[in-house]
């Protein structure tokens, strides 16, 4: 995996390279840390909103369930608000399909 990023205020980007091995893969999302599971839900939501085929089998309901199950500590309530946003998109999608 290659990840390139820039720090705020810097002109030059930095590159991180990390080999990914099949042995490092987990059998399910259940073994993934909460922060990463929530990030997967956020990324899946963005892809679903864009209509990307990569998430065709991942409904808004499934995204909301994953996000809700991986909220972790949420002192400001932002993660709960994200779950509500996904549920709202699910409702709008259902109405649009009628």
C-alpha atoms as a PDB file:
ATOM      1  CA  UNK A   1       0.000   0.000   0.000  1.00  0.00           C
ATOM      2  CA  UNK A   2       1.221   3.467  -0.798  1.00  0.00           C
ATOM      3  CA  UNK A   3      -0.103   6.502   1.020  1.00  0.00           C
ATOM      4  CA  UNK A   4       0.918  10.022   0.121  1.00  0.00           C
ATOM      5  CA  UNK A   5       0.006  13.003   2.313  1.00  0.00           C
ATOM      6  CA  UNK A   6       0.935  16.616   3.028  1.00  0.00           C
ATOM      7  CA  UNK A   7       1.070  18.238   6.402  1.00  0.00           C
ATOM      8  CA  UNK A   8      -0.752  21.579   6.725  1.00  0.00           C
ATOM      9  CA  UNK A   9       1.395  24.432   5.460  1.00  0.00           C
ATOM     10  CA  UNK A  10       3.895  22.178   3.694  1.00  0.00           C
ATOM     11  CA  UNK A  11       4.441  22.131  -0.064  1.00  0.00           C
ATOM     12  CA  UNK A  12       6.092  18.712  -0.325  1.00  0.00           C
ATOM     13  CA  UNK A  13       4.179  15.496   0.158  1.00  0.00           C
ATOM     14  CA  UNK A  14       5.398  12.482   2.104  1.00  0.00           C
ATOM     15  CA  UNK A  15       5.087   8.854   1.077  1.00  0.00           C
ATOM     16  CA  UNK A  16       4.482   5.852   3.302  1.00  0.00           C
ATOM     17  CA  UNK A  17       4.838   2.400   1.754  1.00  0.00           C
ATOM     18  CA  UNK A  18       3.714  -0.739   3.543  1.00  0.00           C
ATOM     19  CA  UNK A  19       3.521  -4.235   2.041  1.00  0.00           C
ATOM     20  CA  UNK A  20       0.185  -5.992   2.544  1.00  0.00           C
ATOM     21  CA  UNK A  21       0.280  -9.762   3.014  1.00  0.00           C
ATOM     22  CA  UNK A  22      -2.557 -12.261   2.885  1.00  0.00           C
ATOM     23  CA  UNK A  23      -1.460 -13.489   6.317  1.00  0.00           C
ATOM     24  CA  UNK A  24      -2.234 -10.034   7.735  1.00  0.00           C
ATOM     25  CA  UNK A  25      -5.875 -10.151   6.588  1.00  0.00           C
ATOM     26  CA  UNK A  26      -8.595 -10.715   9.157  1.00  0.00           C
ATOM     27  CA  UNK A  27     -11.458 -13.160   8.560  1.00  0.00           C
ATOM     28  CA  UNK A  28     -14.096 -10.557   9.402  1.00  0.00           C
ATOM     29  CA  UNK A  29     -14.549  -6.945  10.451  1.00  0.00           C
ATOM     30  CA  UNK A  30     -15.256  -8.095  14.007  1.00  0.00           C
ATOM     31  CA  UNK A  31     -11.523  -8.370  14.700  1.00  0.00           C
ATOM     32  CA  UNK A  32     -10.742  -4.910  13.353  1.00  0.00           C
ATOM     33  CA  UNK A  33     -10.259  -2.070  15.867  1.00  0.00           C
ATOM     34  CA  UNK A  34     -13.286   0.178  16.457  1.00  0.00           C
ATOM     35  CA  UNK A  35     -11.652   3.232  14.864  1.00  0.00           C
ATOM     36  CA  UNK A  36     -10.982   1.379  11.623  1.00  0.00           C
ATOM     37  CA  UNK A  37     -14.465  -0.143  11.483  1.00  0.00           C
ATOM     38  CA  UNK A  38     -15.994   3.309  11.866  1.00  0.00           C
ATOM     39  CA  UNK A  39     -13.692   4.628   9.119  1.00  0.00           C
ATOM     40  CA  UNK A  40     -14.864   1.793   6.844  1.00  0.00           C
ATOM     41  CA  UNK A  41     -18.476   2.835   7.479  1.00  0.00           C
ATOM     42  CA  UNK A  42     -17.695   6.464   6.616  1.00  0.00           C
ATOM     43  CA  UNK A  43     -15.860   5.475   3.421  1.00  0.00           C
ATOM     44  CA  UNK A  44     -18.666   3.089   2.405  1.00  0.00           C
ATOM     45  CA  UNK A  45     -21.231   5.848   2.947  1.00  0.00           C
ATOM     46  CA  UNK A  46     -19.275   8.221   0.703  1.00  0.00           C
ATOM     47  CA  UNK A  47     -18.985   5.565  -1.988  1.00  0.00           C
ATOM     48  CA  UNK A  48     -22.690   4.738  -1.732  1.00  0.00           C
ATOM     49  CA  UNK A  49     -23.620   8.422  -2.099  1.00  0.00           C
ATOM     50  CA  UNK A  50     -21.490   8.578  -5.250  1.00  0.00           C
ATOM     51  CA  UNK A  51     -23.213   5.477  -6.630  1.00  0.00           C
ATOM     52  CA  UNK A  52     -20.038   3.437  -6.865  1.00  0.00           C
ATOM     53  CA  UNK A  53     -20.551  -0.209  -7.786  1.00  0.00           C
ATOM     54  CA  UNK A  54     -17.974  -1.374  -5.215  1.00  0.00           C
ATOM     55  CA  UNK A  55     -20.600  -1.017  -2.462  1.00  0.00           C
ATOM     56  CA  UNK A  56     -23.646  -2.315  -4.362  1.00  0.00           C
ATOM     57  CA  UNK A  57     -24.144  -5.098  -1.802  1.00  0.00           C
ATOM     58  CA  UNK A  58     -23.655  -2.755   1.160  1.00  0.00           C
ATOM     59  CA  UNK A  59     -26.950  -1.015   1.957  1.00  0.00           C
ATOM     60  CA  UNK A  60     -27.405   2.187   3.914  1.00  0.00           C
ATOM     61  CA  UNK A  61     -28.837   0.026   6.694  1.00  0.00           C
ATOM     62  CA  UNK A  62     -25.700  -2.129   6.800  1.00  0.00           C
ATOM     63  CA  UNK A  63     -23.521   0.984   6.843  1.00  0.00           C
ATOM     64  CA  UNK A  64     -25.555   2.435   9.732  1.00  0.00           C
ATOM     65  CA  UNK A  65     -25.302  -0.838  11.664  1.00  0.00           C
ATOM     66  CA  UNK A  66     -21.533  -0.988  11.194  1.00  0.00           C
ATOM     67  CA  UNK A  67     -21.116   2.656  12.219  1.00  0.00           C
ATOM     68  CA  UNK A  68     -23.395   2.266  15.235  1.00  0.00           C
ATOM     69  CA  UNK A  69     -21.620  -0.895  16.399  1.00  0.00           C
ATOM     70  CA  UNK A  70     -18.238   0.824  16.109  1.00  0.00           C
ATOM     71  CA  UNK A  71     -19.060   4.241  17.581  1.00  0.00           C
ATOM     72  CA  UNK A  72     -16.753   3.738  20.536  1.00  0.00           C
ATOM     73  CA  UNK A  73     -16.204   6.808  22.685  1.00  0.00           C
ATOM     74  CA  UNK A  74     -18.313   9.630  21.265  1.00  0.00           C
ATOM     75  CA  UNK A  75     -18.161  12.500  23.786  1.00  0.00           C
ATOM     76  CA  UNK A  76     -19.293  15.161  21.295  1.00  0.00           C
ATOM     77  CA  UNK A  77     -21.941  12.972  19.644  1.00  0.00           C
ATOM     78  CA  UNK A  78     -20.473  13.293  16.139  1.00  0.00           C
ATOM     79  CA  UNK A  79     -20.516   9.561  15.505  1.00  0.00           C
ATOM     80  CA  UNK A  80     -24.133   9.274  16.627  1.00  0.00           C
ATOM     81  CA  UNK A  81     -24.937  12.163  14.291  1.00  0.00           C
ATOM     82  CA  UNK A  82     -23.220  10.301  11.450  1.00  0.00           C
ATOM     83  CA  UNK A  83     -25.429   7.259  12.110  1.00  0.00           C
ATOM     84  CA  UNK A  84     -28.507   9.514  11.969  1.00  0.00           C
ATOM     85  CA  UNK A  85     -27.265  10.976   8.677  1.00  0.00           C
ATOM     86  CA  UNK A  86     -26.878   7.493   7.176  1.00  0.00           C
ATOM     87  CA  UNK A  87     -30.392   6.568   8.357  1.00  0.00           C
ATOM     88  CA  UNK A  88     -31.726   9.764   6.777  1.00  0.00           C
ATOM     89  CA  UNK A  89     -30.052   8.866   3.469  1.00  0.00           C
ATOM     90  CA  UNK A  90     -31.596   5.401   3.736  1.00  0.00           C
ATOM     91  CA  UNK A  91     -35.055   6.929   4.168  1.00  0.00           C
ATOM     92  CA  UNK A  92     -34.563   9.325   1.261  1.00  0.00           C
ATOM     93  CA  UNK A  93     -33.325   6.472  -0.935  1.00  0.00           C
ATOM     94  CA  UNK A  94     -36.400   4.395  -0.069  1.00  0.00           C
ATOM     95  CA  UNK A  95     -38.740   7.272  -0.902  1.00  0.00           C
ATOM     96  CA  UNK A  96     -36.919   7.966  -4.190  1.00  0.00           C
ATOM     97  CA  UNK A  97     -37.292   4.334  -5.262  1.00  0.00           C
ATOM     98  CA  UNK A  98     -41.097   4.410  -4.916  1.00  0.00           C
END
